Amino acid sequence: MSSTTRRNFVIGGASIPLLAACGNGLNSQGSQRIDARVDSAIEFMYSEVPGTRELARDAAGMLVMPLVTEAGFGFGGSYGRGALRINGATVDYYSATSGSFGLQIGAQQYAHTLFFMTEDALREFRYSTGWSVGADVRYAVNSEGATLGVDTTTLLDPVIAVIYGQAGLIVGATLEGTRYARILP
């Protein structure tokens, strides 16, 4: 009988996102699948979150993560894949991963979009080896059918995050500590 150590538990938990990324070998439909999910997520966001169409119009680019799955029981983590769109065209594919530790239990799924409002913010994101959500990200919140809390000062923020389509047992979602990395679908 084997004993489970904390190190084995952490290593095993860290490998889950890697397993989720498998299955995108040569001639797979990975990029088409991601693009189709991104298209659906954008349409859902436009219809359910007023003001996002205007954000998209004014943004230098947007990273759409159509499905992020988060689960936790003491240790927690999340993983999702999406696409960076510039002028409506996919230019790169990215994964989003995060880990957490603390008093937590449950699971949820959600989508989110990062709107890069300046060319500098977009350039910094695209040319970094791994980009993490930090203090420079403004969260735009949709309060029950009202338009987003976006005004002329908000549009000056370098990155605006919108989280939508939440379903599950964990209350709320945040992108703090989420790391984005370019992937080959």
N, C-alpha and C. Protein backbone atom coordinates (compact mmCIF):
# COMPACT_ATOMS: atom_id res chain seq x y z
N MET A 1 0.84 -1.17 0.00
CA MET A 1 0.00 0.00 0.00
C MET A 1 0.89 1.23 0.00
N SER A 2 0.60 2.18 -0.85
CA SER A 2 1.43 3.37 -0.95
C SER A 2 0.85 4.49 -0.09
N SER A 3 1.75 5.30 0.41
CA SER A 3 1.28 6.43 1.20
C SER A 3 1.33 7.68 0.34
N THR A 4 0.32 8.51 0.50
CA THR A 4 0.23 9.75 -0.26
C THR A 4 0.92 10.85 0.53
N THR A 5 1.92 11.45 -0.08
CA THR A 5 2.60 12.56 0.56
C THR A 5 2.08 13.86 -0.01
N ARG A 6 2.35 14.92 0.70
CA ARG A 6 1.93 16.24 0.22
C ARG A 6 2.58 16.55 -1.12
N ARG A 7 3.85 16.16 -1.29
CA ARG A 7 4.55 16.40 -2.56
C ARG A 7 3.87 15.66 -3.70
N ASN A 8 3.51 14.41 -3.51
CA ASN A 8 2.83 13.64 -4.55
C ASN A 8 1.47 14.25 -4.88
N PHE A 9 0.78 14.74 -3.85
CA PHE A 9 -0.52 15.37 -4.06
C PHE A 9 -0.39 16.63 -4.91
N VAL A 10 0.59 17.47 -4.59
CA VAL A 10 0.80 18.71 -5.34
C VAL A 10 1.24 18.41 -6.76
N ILE A 11 2.17 17.47 -6.94
CA ILE A 11 2.63 17.11 -8.28
C ILE A 11 1.49 16.53 -9.09
N GLY A 12 0.68 15.67 -8.49
CA GLY A 12 -0.46 15.10 -9.19
C GLY A 12 -1.47 16.15 -9.58
N GLY A 13 -1.76 17.09 -8.66
CA GLY A 13 -2.70 18.16 -8.96
C GLY A 13 -2.20 19.09 -10.05
N ALA A 14 -0.88 19.32 -10.06
CA ALA A 14 -0.31 20.21 -11.07
C ALA A 14 -0.33 19.57 -12.46
N SER A 15 -0.39 18.26 -12.52
CA SER A 15 -0.38 17.59 -13.82
C SER A 15 -1.75 17.57 -14.49
N ILE A 16 -2.81 17.86 -13.76
CA ILE A 16 -4.15 17.83 -14.35
C ILE A 16 -4.28 18.78 -15.53
N PRO A 17 -3.82 20.06 -15.42
CA PRO A 17 -3.92 20.93 -16.61
C PRO A 17 -3.12 20.40 -17.79
N LEU A 18 -2.00 19.73 -17.53
CA LEU A 18 -1.20 19.18 -18.62
C LEU A 18 -1.97 18.07 -19.34
N LEU A 19 -2.67 17.26 -18.58
CA LEU A 19 -3.47 16.20 -19.20
C LEU A 19 -4.61 16.79 -20.01
N ALA A 20 -5.19 17.88 -19.51
CA ALA A 20 -6.29 18.52 -20.23
C ALA A 20 -5.83 19.09 -21.56
N ALA A 21 -4.55 19.46 -21.63
CA ALA A 21 -4.03 20.07 -22.85
C ALA A 21 -3.66 19.01 -23.89
N CYS A 22 -3.57 17.76 -23.47
CA CYS A 22 -3.22 16.69 -24.41
C CYS A 22 -4.35 16.50 -25.41
N GLY A 23 -4.05 15.82 -26.48
CA GLY A 23 -5.08 15.55 -27.47
C GLY A 23 -5.12 16.59 -28.57
N ASN A 24 -4.11 17.42 -28.64
CA ASN A 24 -4.04 18.41 -29.70
C ASN A 24 -2.82 18.15 -30.57
N GLY A 25 -2.68 16.94 -31.02
CA GLY A 25 -1.55 16.57 -31.86
C GLY A 25 -1.71 17.08 -33.28
N LEU A 26 -0.81 16.67 -34.13
CA LEU A 26 -0.87 17.08 -35.53
C LEU A 26 -2.18 16.65 -36.16
N ASN A 27 -2.71 17.48 -37.01
CA ASN A 27 -3.96 17.24 -37.72
C ASN A 27 -5.17 17.12 -36.81
N SER A 28 -5.04 17.60 -35.58
CA SER A 28 -6.21 17.59 -34.71
C SER A 28 -7.08 18.80 -35.04
N GLN A 29 -8.24 18.83 -34.49
CA GLN A 29 -9.17 19.93 -34.72
C GLN A 29 -9.10 20.95 -33.58
N GLY A 30 -7.97 20.99 -32.85
CA GLY A 30 -7.83 21.85 -31.68
C GLY A 30 -8.11 23.31 -31.94
N SER A 31 -7.50 23.89 -32.97
CA SER A 31 -7.69 25.32 -33.23
C SER A 31 -9.12 25.62 -33.68
N GLN A 32 -9.71 24.75 -34.49
CA GLN A 32 -11.09 24.97 -34.93
C GLN A 32 -12.05 24.88 -33.75
N ARG A 33 -11.78 23.96 -32.83
CA ARG A 33 -12.63 23.79 -31.65
C ARG A 33 -12.54 25.04 -30.76
N ILE A 34 -11.32 25.53 -30.54
CA ILE A 34 -11.15 26.73 -29.71
C ILE A 34 -11.83 27.92 -30.38
N ASP A 35 -11.61 28.10 -31.69
CA ASP A 35 -12.22 29.23 -32.40
C ASP A 35 -13.74 29.19 -32.35
N ALA A 36 -14.32 28.00 -32.49
CA ALA A 36 -15.79 27.87 -32.42
C ALA A 36 -16.29 28.24 -31.03
N ARG A 37 -15.58 27.80 -29.99
CA ARG A 37 -15.99 28.15 -28.62
C ARG A 37 -15.82 29.64 -28.36
N VAL A 38 -14.76 30.23 -28.90
CA VAL A 38 -14.54 31.67 -28.74
C VAL A 38 -15.66 32.45 -29.42
N ASP A 39 -16.03 32.05 -30.64
CA ASP A 39 -17.13 32.72 -31.35
C ASP A 39 -18.42 32.67 -30.54
N SER A 40 -18.73 31.51 -29.98
CA SER A 40 -19.94 31.36 -29.16
C SER A 40 -19.87 32.22 -27.90
N ALA A 41 -18.70 32.24 -27.26
CA ALA A 41 -18.54 33.03 -26.04
C ALA A 41 -18.70 34.52 -26.32
N ILE A 42 -18.16 34.98 -27.44
CA ILE A 42 -18.29 36.39 -27.80
C ILE A 42 -19.75 36.76 -28.03
N GLU A 43 -20.47 35.93 -28.76
CA GLU A 43 -21.89 36.21 -29.00
C GLU A 43 -22.69 36.21 -27.70
N PHE A 44 -22.39 35.24 -26.81
CA PHE A 44 -23.05 35.19 -25.51
C PHE A 44 -22.74 36.46 -24.71
N MET A 45 -21.46 36.85 -24.69
CA MET A 45 -21.06 38.04 -23.95
C MET A 45 -21.77 39.28 -24.49
N TYR A 46 -21.80 39.44 -25.82
CA TYR A 46 -22.47 40.60 -26.40
C TYR A 46 -23.95 40.65 -26.03
N SER A 47 -24.60 39.48 -26.00
CA SER A 47 -26.04 39.46 -25.71
C SER A 47 -26.35 39.58 -24.22
N GLU A 48 -25.47 39.10 -23.36
CA GLU A 48 -25.76 39.06 -21.93
C GLU A 48 -25.09 40.17 -21.12
N VAL A 49 -24.04 40.76 -21.65
CA VAL A 49 -23.31 41.79 -20.90
C VAL A 49 -23.28 43.07 -21.71
N PRO A 50 -24.27 43.94 -21.49
CA PRO A 50 -24.33 45.19 -22.26
C PRO A 50 -23.06 46.02 -22.10
N GLY A 51 -22.64 46.62 -23.19
CA GLY A 51 -21.45 47.46 -23.18
C GLY A 51 -20.20 46.78 -23.69
N THR A 52 -20.25 45.45 -23.81
CA THR A 52 -19.04 44.74 -24.25
C THR A 52 -18.76 44.93 -25.73
N ARG A 53 -19.79 45.11 -26.52
CA ARG A 53 -19.58 45.35 -27.95
C ARG A 53 -18.78 46.65 -28.16
N GLU A 54 -19.09 47.67 -27.36
CA GLU A 54 -18.37 48.93 -27.44
C GLU A 54 -16.93 48.77 -26.95
N LEU A 55 -16.75 47.98 -25.88
CA LEU A 55 -15.39 47.71 -25.40
C LEU A 55 -14.57 47.03 -26.49
N ALA A 56 -15.15 46.05 -27.14
CA ALA A 56 -14.45 45.32 -28.20
C ALA A 56 -14.08 46.26 -29.35
N ARG A 57 -14.98 47.16 -29.68
CA ARG A 57 -14.73 48.11 -30.76
C ARG A 57 -13.54 49.02 -30.44
N ASP A 58 -13.41 49.44 -29.16
CA ASP A 58 -12.36 50.37 -28.75
C ASP A 58 -11.05 49.69 -28.37
N ALA A 59 -11.07 48.38 -28.18
CA ALA A 59 -9.88 47.66 -27.71
C ALA A 59 -8.88 47.41 -28.85
N ALA A 60 -7.60 47.38 -28.48
CA ALA A 60 -6.55 47.03 -29.43
C ALA A 60 -6.58 45.53 -29.72
N GLY A 61 -7.08 44.76 -28.78
CA GLY A 61 -7.20 43.31 -28.93
C GLY A 61 -7.94 42.75 -27.74
N MET A 62 -8.40 41.51 -27.86
CA MET A 62 -9.08 40.89 -26.73
C MET A 62 -8.76 39.40 -26.67
N LEU A 63 -8.51 38.95 -25.44
CA LEU A 63 -8.25 37.55 -25.19
C LEU A 63 -9.53 36.95 -24.64
N VAL A 64 -10.08 35.98 -25.36
CA VAL A 64 -11.34 35.35 -24.96
C VAL A 64 -11.05 33.93 -24.48
N MET A 65 -11.41 33.68 -23.23
CA MET A 65 -11.29 32.35 -22.64
C MET A 65 -12.71 31.82 -22.49
N PRO A 66 -13.20 31.01 -23.44
CA PRO A 66 -14.61 30.63 -23.46
C PRO A 66 -15.04 29.66 -22.37
N LEU A 67 -14.12 28.91 -21.81
CA LEU A 67 -14.49 27.96 -20.76
C LEU A 67 -13.30 27.74 -19.85
N VAL A 68 -13.44 28.22 -18.62
CA VAL A 68 -12.43 28.00 -17.59
C VAL A 68 -13.09 27.16 -16.52
N THR A 69 -12.46 26.08 -16.15
CA THR A 69 -12.97 25.19 -15.11
C THR A 69 -12.12 25.37 -13.87
N GLU A 70 -12.79 25.62 -12.75
CA GLU A 70 -12.12 25.85 -11.47
C GLU A 70 -12.69 24.88 -10.46
N ALA A 71 -11.81 24.24 -9.68
CA ALA A 71 -12.25 23.33 -8.63
C ALA A 71 -11.31 23.45 -7.45
N GLY A 72 -11.85 23.22 -6.28
CA GLY A 72 -11.01 23.29 -5.10
C GLY A 72 -11.55 22.51 -3.94
N PHE A 73 -10.65 21.90 -3.22
CA PHE A 73 -10.94 21.24 -1.96
C PHE A 73 -9.67 21.39 -1.13
N GLY A 74 -9.54 22.51 -0.47
CA GLY A 74 -8.28 22.85 0.18
C GLY A 74 -7.33 23.42 -0.85
N PHE A 75 -6.77 22.56 -1.69
CA PHE A 75 -6.00 23.01 -2.84
C PHE A 75 -6.98 23.24 -3.98
N GLY A 76 -6.72 24.24 -4.79
CA GLY A 76 -7.62 24.51 -5.91
C GLY A 76 -6.83 24.89 -7.14
N GLY A 77 -7.51 24.86 -8.25
CA GLY A 77 -6.87 25.26 -9.49
C GLY A 77 -7.90 25.50 -10.57
N SER A 78 -7.44 26.15 -11.62
CA SER A 78 -8.32 26.37 -12.76
C SER A 78 -7.50 26.25 -14.04
N TYR A 79 -8.21 25.94 -15.12
CA TYR A 79 -7.56 25.79 -16.42
C TYR A 79 -8.57 26.10 -17.52
N GLY A 80 -8.09 26.74 -18.56
CA GLY A 80 -8.91 27.00 -19.73
C GLY A 80 -8.02 27.36 -20.92
N ARG A 81 -8.60 27.30 -22.11
CA ARG A 81 -7.88 27.67 -23.33
C ARG A 81 -8.72 28.65 -24.11
N GLY A 82 -8.05 29.56 -24.81
CA GLY A 82 -8.78 30.54 -25.59
C GLY A 82 -7.92 31.14 -26.68
N ALA A 83 -8.42 32.23 -27.25
CA ALA A 83 -7.75 32.84 -28.40
C ALA A 83 -7.63 34.35 -28.21
N LEU A 84 -6.53 34.88 -28.72
CA LEU A 84 -6.32 36.31 -28.78
C LEU A 84 -6.81 36.80 -30.13
N ARG A 85 -7.74 37.74 -30.10
CA ARG A 85 -8.30 38.29 -31.34
C ARG A 85 -7.87 39.74 -31.49
N ILE A 86 -7.41 40.07 -32.69
CA ILE A 86 -7.09 41.44 -33.05
C ILE A 86 -7.85 41.75 -34.32
N ASN A 87 -8.65 42.80 -34.28
CA ASN A 87 -9.51 43.16 -35.41
C ASN A 87 -10.38 41.98 -35.86
N GLY A 88 -10.86 41.21 -34.90
CA GLY A 88 -11.78 40.12 -35.18
C GLY A 88 -11.13 38.83 -35.66
N ALA A 89 -9.80 38.82 -35.83
CA ALA A 89 -9.11 37.62 -36.32
C ALA A 89 -8.26 37.01 -35.20
N THR A 90 -8.23 35.68 -35.13
CA THR A 90 -7.40 34.99 -34.16
C THR A 90 -5.95 35.10 -34.58
N VAL A 91 -5.09 35.56 -33.65
CA VAL A 91 -3.66 35.67 -33.94
C VAL A 91 -2.82 34.70 -33.12
N ASP A 92 -3.32 34.25 -31.96
CA ASP A 92 -2.60 33.31 -31.11
C ASP A 92 -3.59 32.58 -30.22
N TYR A 93 -3.14 31.45 -29.67
CA TYR A 93 -3.93 30.68 -28.71
C TYR A 93 -3.21 30.68 -27.37
N TYR A 94 -3.99 30.73 -26.29
CA TYR A 94 -3.41 30.83 -24.95
C TYR A 94 -4.12 29.88 -24.00
N SER A 95 -3.38 29.50 -22.95
CA SER A 95 -3.98 28.78 -21.83
C SER A 95 -3.98 29.72 -20.63
N ALA A 96 -4.90 29.50 -19.72
CA ALA A 96 -4.98 30.25 -18.47
C ALA A 96 -4.98 29.23 -17.34
N THR A 97 -4.04 29.36 -16.42
CA THR A 97 -3.96 28.45 -15.28
C THR A 97 -3.81 29.25 -14.00
N SER A 98 -4.33 28.71 -12.94
CA SER A 98 -4.13 29.30 -11.62
C SER A 98 -4.21 28.21 -10.59
N GLY A 99 -3.62 28.48 -9.44
CA GLY A 99 -3.67 27.56 -8.32
C GLY A 99 -3.95 28.34 -7.06
N SER A 100 -4.52 27.67 -6.08
CA SER A 100 -4.82 28.35 -4.82
C SER A 100 -4.80 27.34 -3.68
N PHE A 101 -4.70 27.87 -2.50
CA PHE A 101 -4.72 27.05 -1.30
C PHE A 101 -5.49 27.81 -0.24
N GLY A 102 -6.34 27.13 0.47
CA GLY A 102 -7.08 27.78 1.54
C GLY A 102 -8.41 27.10 1.78
N LEU A 103 -9.26 27.79 2.49
CA LEU A 103 -10.57 27.27 2.82
C LEU A 103 -11.47 27.38 1.59
N GLN A 104 -11.61 26.31 0.86
CA GLN A 104 -12.41 26.30 -0.36
C GLN A 104 -12.90 24.89 -0.65
N ILE A 105 -14.06 24.83 -1.22
CA ILE A 105 -14.61 23.55 -1.66
C ILE A 105 -15.64 23.86 -2.74
N GLY A 106 -15.59 23.10 -3.81
CA GLY A 106 -16.57 23.27 -4.87
C GLY A 106 -15.93 23.34 -6.23
N ALA A 107 -16.77 23.62 -7.22
CA ALA A 107 -16.31 23.70 -8.61
C ALA A 107 -17.21 24.68 -9.36
N GLN A 108 -16.66 25.30 -10.37
CA GLN A 108 -17.44 26.19 -11.22
C GLN A 108 -16.79 26.29 -12.59
N GLN A 109 -17.56 26.75 -13.53
CA GLN A 109 -17.07 27.06 -14.86
C GLN A 109 -17.53 28.46 -15.21
N TYR A 110 -16.71 29.16 -15.96
CA TYR A 110 -17.04 30.52 -16.37
C TYR A 110 -16.23 30.87 -17.61
N ALA A 111 -16.58 31.97 -18.21
CA ALA A 111 -15.83 32.51 -19.34
C ALA A 111 -15.34 33.89 -18.94
N HIS A 112 -14.26 34.33 -19.56
CA HIS A 112 -13.82 35.69 -19.33
C HIS A 112 -13.12 36.23 -20.57
N THR A 113 -13.14 37.54 -20.67
CA THR A 113 -12.47 38.23 -21.76
C THR A 113 -11.64 39.34 -21.18
N LEU A 114 -10.39 39.42 -21.65
CA LEU A 114 -9.52 40.53 -21.30
C LEU A 114 -9.49 41.46 -22.50
N PHE A 115 -9.86 42.71 -22.28
CA PHE A 115 -9.83 43.73 -23.33
C PHE A 115 -8.56 44.54 -23.14
N PHE A 116 -7.67 44.51 -24.12
CA PHE A 116 -6.44 45.30 -24.07
C PHE A 116 -6.75 46.64 -24.71
N MET A 117 -6.82 47.67 -23.88
CA MET A 117 -7.30 48.97 -24.33
C MET A 117 -6.21 49.84 -24.95
N THR A 118 -4.95 49.46 -24.77
CA THR A 118 -3.84 50.21 -25.37
C THR A 118 -2.94 49.27 -26.16
N GLU A 119 -2.29 49.82 -27.16
CA GLU A 119 -1.33 49.03 -27.95
C GLU A 119 -0.18 48.55 -27.06
N ASP A 120 0.25 49.38 -26.10
CA ASP A 120 1.35 48.98 -25.20
C ASP A 120 0.96 47.78 -24.35
N ALA A 121 -0.26 47.77 -23.81
CA ALA A 121 -0.72 46.64 -23.00
C ALA A 121 -0.78 45.37 -23.84
N LEU A 122 -1.28 45.50 -25.06
CA LEU A 122 -1.36 44.34 -25.95
C LEU A 122 0.03 43.84 -26.30
N ARG A 123 0.95 44.74 -26.61
CA ARG A 123 2.32 44.36 -26.95
C ARG A 123 3.00 43.67 -25.78
N GLU A 124 2.83 44.21 -24.57
CA GLU A 124 3.43 43.61 -23.38
C GLU A 124 2.91 42.19 -23.18
N PHE A 125 1.61 42.00 -23.38
CA PHE A 125 1.02 40.67 -23.23
C PHE A 125 1.57 39.71 -24.29
N ARG A 126 1.58 40.13 -25.52
CA ARG A 126 1.98 39.24 -26.62
C ARG A 126 3.43 38.83 -26.57
N TYR A 127 4.30 39.69 -26.10
CA TYR A 127 5.73 39.40 -26.15
C TYR A 127 6.31 38.97 -24.82
N SER A 128 5.47 38.71 -23.83
CA SER A 128 5.96 38.17 -22.57
C SER A 128 6.00 36.65 -22.65
N THR A 129 6.86 36.04 -21.85
CA THR A 129 6.95 34.57 -21.86
C THR A 129 5.82 33.95 -21.06
N GLY A 130 5.23 34.70 -20.20
CA GLY A 130 4.08 34.27 -19.41
C GLY A 130 3.55 35.49 -18.70
N TRP A 131 2.28 35.77 -18.82
CA TRP A 131 1.71 37.02 -18.31
C TRP A 131 0.73 36.68 -17.22
N SER A 132 0.80 37.40 -16.12
CA SER A 132 -0.12 37.18 -15.00
C SER A 132 -0.99 38.39 -14.78
N VAL A 133 -2.21 38.15 -14.37
CA VAL A 133 -3.12 39.24 -14.04
C VAL A 133 -2.58 39.95 -12.81
N GLY A 134 -2.49 41.26 -12.90
CA GLY A 134 -1.96 42.05 -11.80
C GLY A 134 -2.86 43.21 -11.45
N ALA A 135 -2.28 44.19 -10.78
CA ALA A 135 -3.04 45.35 -10.30
C ALA A 135 -3.49 46.25 -11.44
N ASP A 136 -2.89 46.10 -12.63
CA ASP A 136 -3.26 46.98 -13.74
C ASP A 136 -4.52 46.53 -14.47
N VAL A 137 -5.16 45.48 -13.98
CA VAL A 137 -6.39 44.99 -14.61
C VAL A 137 -7.59 45.56 -13.87
N ARG A 138 -8.50 46.19 -14.61
CA ARG A 138 -9.74 46.73 -14.04
C ARG A 138 -10.84 45.74 -14.34
N TYR A 139 -11.64 45.38 -13.34
CA TYR A 139 -12.77 44.48 -13.53
C TYR A 139 -14.00 45.31 -13.85
N ALA A 140 -14.64 45.02 -14.96
CA ALA A 140 -15.90 45.68 -15.31
C ALA A 140 -17.02 44.74 -14.88
N VAL A 141 -17.96 45.24 -14.12
CA VAL A 141 -19.01 44.41 -13.53
C VAL A 141 -20.35 44.76 -14.14
N ASN A 142 -21.09 43.73 -14.51
CA ASN A 142 -22.45 43.90 -15.04
C ASN A 142 -23.42 43.66 -13.89
N SER A 143 -24.18 44.68 -13.54
CA SER A 143 -25.11 44.52 -12.42
C SER A 143 -26.54 44.34 -12.94
N GLU A 144 -26.91 43.08 -13.09
CA GLU A 144 -28.26 42.68 -13.46
C GLU A 144 -28.89 43.48 -14.60
N GLY A 145 -28.33 43.34 -15.77
CA GLY A 145 -28.92 43.94 -16.95
C GLY A 145 -28.48 45.35 -17.22
N ALA A 146 -27.83 46.00 -16.26
CA ALA A 146 -27.34 47.35 -16.49
C ALA A 146 -26.09 47.27 -17.35
N THR A 147 -25.70 48.38 -17.92
CA THR A 147 -24.48 48.36 -18.71
C THR A 147 -23.29 48.26 -17.78
N LEU A 148 -22.15 47.89 -18.34
CA LEU A 148 -20.94 47.76 -17.55
C LEU A 148 -20.57 49.09 -16.93
N GLY A 149 -19.83 49.02 -15.85
CA GLY A 149 -19.33 50.23 -15.22
C GLY A 149 -18.16 50.78 -16.01
N VAL A 150 -18.39 51.17 -17.25
CA VAL A 150 -17.33 51.67 -18.12
C VAL A 150 -17.62 53.12 -18.44
N ASP A 151 -16.64 53.96 -18.19
CA ASP A 151 -16.76 55.37 -18.55
C ASP A 151 -15.45 55.81 -19.19
N THR A 152 -15.30 57.09 -19.44
CA THR A 152 -14.09 57.54 -20.14
C THR A 152 -12.84 57.31 -19.33
N THR A 153 -12.91 57.32 -18.00
CA THR A 153 -11.71 57.03 -17.21
C THR A 153 -11.39 55.54 -17.23
N THR A 154 -12.40 54.70 -17.26
CA THR A 154 -12.17 53.26 -17.34
C THR A 154 -11.49 52.90 -18.65
N LEU A 155 -11.88 53.55 -19.73
CA LEU A 155 -11.30 53.24 -21.04
C LEU A 155 -9.82 53.58 -21.11
N LEU A 156 -9.31 54.33 -20.13
CA LEU A 156 -7.89 54.65 -20.08
C LEU A 156 -7.09 53.55 -19.38
N ASP A 157 -7.79 52.62 -18.71
CA ASP A 157 -7.11 51.50 -18.08
C ASP A 157 -6.50 50.61 -19.16
N PRO A 158 -5.30 50.07 -18.91
CA PRO A 158 -4.65 49.27 -19.96
C PRO A 158 -5.36 47.96 -20.27
N VAL A 159 -5.94 47.31 -19.25
CA VAL A 159 -6.61 46.01 -19.45
C VAL A 159 -7.90 46.01 -18.63
N ILE A 160 -9.00 45.61 -19.28
CA ILE A 160 -10.29 45.49 -18.61
C ILE A 160 -10.73 44.03 -18.71
N ALA A 161 -11.09 43.44 -17.57
CA ALA A 161 -11.53 42.05 -17.52
C ALA A 161 -13.03 41.99 -17.30
N VAL A 162 -13.70 41.11 -18.05
CA VAL A 162 -15.13 40.86 -17.88
C VAL A 162 -15.29 39.35 -17.69
N ILE A 163 -15.93 38.98 -16.57
CA ILE A 163 -16.19 37.57 -16.27
C ILE A 163 -17.69 37.35 -16.44
N TYR A 164 -18.08 36.28 -17.14
CA TYR A 164 -19.49 36.05 -17.44
C TYR A 164 -19.76 34.56 -17.59
N GLY A 165 -21.04 34.20 -17.61
CA GLY A 165 -21.45 32.81 -17.83
C GLY A 165 -21.09 31.88 -16.70
N GLN A 166 -21.09 32.37 -15.46
CA GLN A 166 -20.70 31.54 -14.34
C GLN A 166 -21.76 30.49 -14.01
N ALA A 167 -21.28 29.29 -13.73
CA ALA A 167 -22.16 28.20 -13.30
C ALA A 167 -21.36 27.28 -12.40
N GLY A 168 -21.92 26.93 -11.28
CA GLY A 168 -21.22 26.01 -10.40
C GLY A 168 -21.48 26.29 -8.94
N LEU A 169 -20.65 25.70 -8.10
CA LEU A 169 -20.87 25.73 -6.67
C LEU A 169 -19.94 26.67 -5.91
N ILE A 170 -18.96 27.28 -6.57
CA ILE A 170 -18.09 28.25 -5.91
C ILE A 170 -18.67 29.63 -6.20
N VAL A 171 -18.84 30.42 -5.17
CA VAL A 171 -19.41 31.75 -5.37
C VAL A 171 -18.33 32.71 -5.83
N GLY A 172 -18.61 33.43 -6.93
CA GLY A 172 -17.68 34.44 -7.42
C GLY A 172 -16.54 33.84 -8.22
N ALA A 173 -15.90 34.69 -8.96
CA ALA A 173 -14.73 34.29 -9.74
C ALA A 173 -13.81 35.48 -9.81
N THR A 174 -12.54 35.22 -9.74
CA THR A 174 -11.55 36.26 -9.87
C THR A 174 -10.42 35.73 -10.75
N LEU A 175 -9.72 36.63 -11.38
CA LEU A 175 -8.61 36.22 -12.24
C LEU A 175 -7.27 36.45 -11.57
N GLU A 176 -7.28 36.94 -10.33
CA GLU A 176 -6.04 37.20 -9.61
C GLU A 176 -5.21 35.92 -9.56
N GLY A 177 -3.95 36.04 -9.89
CA GLY A 177 -3.06 34.89 -9.87
C GLY A 177 -3.15 34.01 -11.10
N THR A 178 -3.96 34.38 -12.07
CA THR A 178 -4.08 33.59 -13.29
C THR A 178 -2.89 33.91 -14.19
N ARG A 179 -2.29 32.87 -14.72
CA ARG A 179 -1.13 33.02 -15.60
C ARG A 179 -1.54 32.57 -17.01
N TYR A 180 -1.18 33.38 -17.98
CA TYR A 180 -1.50 33.11 -19.38
C TYR A 180 -0.23 32.74 -20.13
N ALA A 181 -0.31 31.72 -20.95
CA ALA A 181 0.84 31.29 -21.75
C ALA A 181 0.38 30.90 -23.15
N ARG A 182 1.18 31.23 -24.13
CA ARG A 182 0.87 30.88 -25.51
C ARG A 182 0.94 29.37 -25.69
N ILE A 183 0.00 28.80 -26.45
CA ILE A 183 -0.03 27.37 -26.70
C ILE A 183 -0.13 27.12 -28.20
N LEU A 184 0.17 25.92 -28.59
CA LEU A 184 -0.05 25.46 -29.97
C LEU A 184 -1.22 24.50 -29.91
N PRO A 185 -2.37 24.87 -30.48
CA PRO A 185 -3.55 24.00 -30.37
C PRO A 185 -3.44 22.74 -31.19
